[in-house]
């Protein structure tokens, strides 16, 4: 054990100078692995500056939103004069319109 401490001091505090003594990887091995991982990740996220960004999606009309609401079985308002019923319906519709990302200028149509 005393020999290990002397070895640690001679090795800059990096553990035993014998790579097999601790059963783990040496600092050099870990640095090589880190370099390989970093290089691989850089290759995955490297932007291609030769390509133009994709075009924006075409604007969606009211028919798209109406059909989406219909398919999702959006609640309908029955004309009740009960304040709580009306408020619940309004909250449900606002949630669905927000999830569909309906533009503010189109929301009044629904």
C-alpha atoms as a PDB file:
ATOM      1  CA  UNK A   1       0.000   0.000   0.000  1.00  0.00           C
ATOM      2  CA  UNK A   2       2.838   2.365   0.772  1.00  0.00           C
ATOM      3  CA  UNK A   3       4.245   1.577  -2.631  1.00  0.00           C
ATOM      4  CA  UNK A   4       0.963   2.676  -4.231  1.00  0.00           C
ATOM      5  CA  UNK A   5       1.150   6.064  -2.527  1.00  0.00           C
ATOM      6  CA  UNK A   6       4.670   6.644  -3.790  1.00  0.00           C
ATOM      7  CA  UNK A   7       3.531   5.605  -7.239  1.00  0.00           C
ATOM      8  CA  UNK A   8       0.600   8.053  -7.019  1.00  0.00           C
ATOM      9  CA  UNK A   9       2.934  10.948  -6.242  1.00  0.00           C
ATOM     10  CA  UNK A  10       5.257  10.039  -9.083  1.00  0.00           C
ATOM     11  CA  UNK A  11       2.302   9.801 -11.470  1.00  0.00           C
ATOM     12  CA  UNK A  12       0.911  13.245 -10.681  1.00  0.00           C
ATOM     13  CA  UNK A  13      -1.755  11.846  -8.366  1.00  0.00           C
ATOM     14  CA  UNK A  14      -3.436  10.022 -11.226  1.00  0.00           C
ATOM     15  CA  UNK A  15      -3.378   6.597  -9.596  1.00  0.00           C
ATOM     16  CA  UNK A  16      -0.984   3.744  -9.954  1.00  0.00           C
ATOM     17  CA  UNK A  17       1.554   3.920 -12.768  1.00  0.00           C
ATOM     18  CA  UNK A  18       0.745   0.271 -13.472  1.00  0.00           C
ATOM     19  CA  UNK A  19      -2.375   0.305 -15.727  1.00  0.00           C
ATOM     20  CA  UNK A  20      -3.460  -3.138 -14.530  1.00  0.00           C
ATOM     21  CA  UNK A  21      -3.061  -2.395 -10.804  1.00  0.00           C
ATOM     22  CA  UNK A  22      -6.505  -0.815 -10.292  1.00  0.00           C
ATOM     23  CA  UNK A  23      -8.352  -2.843 -12.886  1.00  0.00           C
ATOM     24  CA  UNK A  24      -9.655   0.377 -14.494  1.00  0.00           C
ATOM     25  CA  UNK A  25      -8.744   2.334 -17.574  1.00  0.00           C
ATOM     26  CA  UNK A  26      -5.702   4.578 -17.650  1.00  0.00           C
ATOM     27  CA  UNK A  27      -5.965   8.316 -18.091  1.00  0.00           C
ATOM     28  CA  UNK A  28      -4.643   7.962 -21.639  1.00  0.00           C
ATOM     29  CA  UNK A  29      -7.320   5.392 -22.472  1.00  0.00           C
ATOM     30  CA  UNK A  30     -10.064   7.632 -21.074  1.00  0.00           C
ATOM     31  CA  UNK A  31      -8.762  10.629 -23.031  1.00  0.00           C
ATOM     32  CA  UNK A  32      -8.693   8.558 -26.224  1.00  0.00           C
ATOM     33  CA  UNK A  33     -12.284   7.430 -25.648  1.00  0.00           C
ATOM     34  CA  UNK A  34     -13.394  11.011 -24.925  1.00  0.00           C
ATOM     35  CA  UNK A  35     -11.733  12.195 -28.143  1.00  0.00           C
ATOM     36  CA  UNK A  36     -13.454   9.498 -30.189  1.00  0.00           C
ATOM     37  CA  UNK A  37     -16.858  10.314 -28.656  1.00  0.00           C
ATOM     38  CA  UNK A  38     -16.383  14.060 -29.230  1.00  0.00           C
ATOM     39  CA  UNK A  39     -15.317  13.549 -32.843  1.00  0.00           C
ATOM     40  CA  UNK A  40     -18.263  11.262 -33.501  1.00  0.00           C
ATOM     41  CA  UNK A  41     -20.742  13.717 -31.987  1.00  0.00           C
ATOM     42  CA  UNK A  42     -19.304  16.605 -33.995  1.00  0.00           C
ATOM     43  CA  UNK A  43     -19.797  14.581 -37.159  1.00  0.00           C
ATOM     44  CA  UNK A  44     -23.437  13.996 -36.279  1.00  0.00           C
ATOM     45  CA  UNK A  45     -24.301  17.649 -35.703  1.00  0.00           C
ATOM     46  CA  UNK A  46     -22.074  19.219 -38.339  1.00  0.00           C
ATOM     47  CA  UNK A  47     -24.260  21.653 -40.285  1.00  0.00           C
ATOM     48  CA  UNK A  48     -24.283  21.486 -44.047  1.00  0.00           C
ATOM     49  CA  UNK A  49     -23.852  25.097 -45.107  1.00  0.00           C
ATOM     50  CA  UNK A  50     -24.558  24.261 -48.750  1.00  0.00           C
ATOM     51  CA  UNK A  51     -28.238  23.579 -48.190  1.00  0.00           C
ATOM     52  CA  UNK A  52     -30.891  26.237 -47.868  1.00  0.00           C
ATOM     53  CA  UNK A  53     -33.206  26.008 -44.864  1.00  0.00           C
ATOM     54  CA  UNK A  54     -36.456  24.155 -45.521  1.00  0.00           C
ATOM     55  CA  UNK A  55     -39.335  26.332 -46.693  1.00  0.00           C
ATOM     56  CA  UNK A  56     -41.951  27.313 -44.122  1.00  0.00           C
ATOM     57  CA  UNK A  57     -45.054  25.131 -44.056  1.00  0.00           C
ATOM     58  CA  UNK A  58     -47.944  26.402 -46.143  1.00  0.00           C
ATOM     59  CA  UNK A  59     -50.483  28.471 -44.246  1.00  0.00           C
ATOM     60  CA  UNK A  60     -53.406  26.475 -42.961  1.00  0.00           C
ATOM     61  CA  UNK A  61     -56.884  27.672 -43.698  1.00  0.00           C
ATOM     62  CA  UNK A  62     -59.974  27.497 -41.565  1.00  0.00           C
ATOM     63  CA  UNK A  63     -61.039  24.218 -43.217  1.00  0.00           C
ATOM     64  CA  UNK A  64     -57.958  22.458 -41.841  1.00  0.00           C
ATOM     65  CA  UNK A  65     -58.661  23.686 -38.307  1.00  0.00           C
ATOM     66  CA  UNK A  66     -62.380  22.949 -38.553  1.00  0.00           C
ATOM     67  CA  UNK A  67     -61.683  19.365 -39.674  1.00  0.00           C
ATOM     68  CA  UNK A  68     -59.098  18.922 -36.913  1.00  0.00           C
ATOM     69  CA  UNK A  69     -61.584  20.086 -34.289  1.00  0.00           C
ATOM     70  CA  UNK A  70     -64.250  17.800 -35.735  1.00  0.00           C
ATOM     71  CA  UNK A  71     -61.925  14.774 -35.776  1.00  0.00           C
ATOM     72  CA  UNK A  72     -60.910  15.459 -32.171  1.00  0.00           C
ATOM     73  CA  UNK A  73     -64.589  15.675 -31.211  1.00  0.00           C
ATOM     74  CA  UNK A  74     -64.355  19.203 -29.865  1.00  0.00           C
ATOM     75  CA  UNK A  75     -67.217  20.049 -27.489  1.00  0.00           C
ATOM     76  CA  UNK A  76     -70.120  21.998 -28.913  1.00  0.00           C
ATOM     77  CA  UNK A  77     -71.917  24.787 -27.124  1.00  0.00           C
ATOM     78  CA  UNK A  78     -75.618  24.129 -26.660  1.00  0.00           C
ATOM     79  CA  UNK A  79     -76.551  27.755 -25.988  1.00  0.00           C
ATOM     80  CA  UNK A  80     -76.985  27.249 -22.263  1.00  0.00           C
ATOM     81  CA  UNK A  81     -77.396  30.336 -20.108  1.00  0.00           C
ATOM     82  CA  UNK A  82     -75.458  28.686 -17.288  1.00  0.00           C
ATOM     83  CA  UNK A  83     -72.252  30.659 -16.737  1.00  0.00           C
ATOM     84  CA  UNK A  84     -70.221  27.612 -15.640  1.00  0.00           C
ATOM     85  CA  UNK A  85     -71.222  25.572 -18.720  1.00  0.00           C
ATOM     86  CA  UNK A  86     -70.268  28.435 -21.032  1.00  0.00           C
ATOM     87  CA  UNK A  87     -66.949  29.022 -19.244  1.00  0.00           C
ATOM     88  CA  UNK A  88     -66.052  25.317 -19.353  1.00  0.00           C
ATOM     89  CA  UNK A  89     -66.826  25.152 -23.079  1.00  0.00           C
ATOM     90  CA  UNK A  90     -64.766  28.298 -23.731  1.00  0.00           C
ATOM     91  CA  UNK A  91     -61.771  26.901 -21.808  1.00  0.00           C
ATOM     92  CA  UNK A  92     -61.971  23.594 -23.718  1.00  0.00           C
ATOM     93  CA  UNK A  93     -62.145  25.319 -27.100  1.00  0.00           C
ATOM     94  CA  UNK A  94     -59.286  27.691 -26.232  1.00  0.00           C
ATOM     95  CA  UNK A  95     -57.149  24.716 -25.213  1.00  0.00           C
ATOM     96  CA  UNK A  96     -57.845  22.889 -28.471  1.00  0.00           C
ATOM     97  CA  UNK A  97     -57.155  25.995 -30.563  1.00  0.00           C
ATOM     98  CA  UNK A  98     -53.878  26.526 -28.703  1.00  0.00           C
ATOM     99  CA  UNK A  99     -52.851  22.891 -29.272  1.00  0.00           C
ATOM    100  CA  UNK A 100     -53.643  23.259 -32.979  1.00  0.00           C
ATOM    101  CA  UNK A 101     -51.597  26.484 -33.002  1.00  0.00           C
ATOM    102  CA  UNK A 102     -54.419  28.435 -34.620  1.00  0.00           C
ATOM    103  CA  UNK A 103     -53.409  31.986 -35.450  1.00  0.00           C
ATOM    104  CA  UNK A 104     -55.051  34.602 -33.243  1.00  0.00           C
ATOM    105  CA  UNK A 105     -56.683  36.318 -36.215  1.00  0.00           C
ATOM    106  CA  UNK A 106     -58.518  33.080 -37.089  1.00  0.00           C
ATOM    107  CA  UNK A 107     -59.741  32.164 -33.613  1.00  0.00           C
ATOM    108  CA  UNK A 108     -62.806  34.394 -33.733  1.00  0.00           C
ATOM    109  CA  UNK A 109     -64.147  32.296 -36.645  1.00  0.00           C
ATOM    110  CA  UNK A 110     -64.617  29.310 -34.363  1.00  0.00           C
END
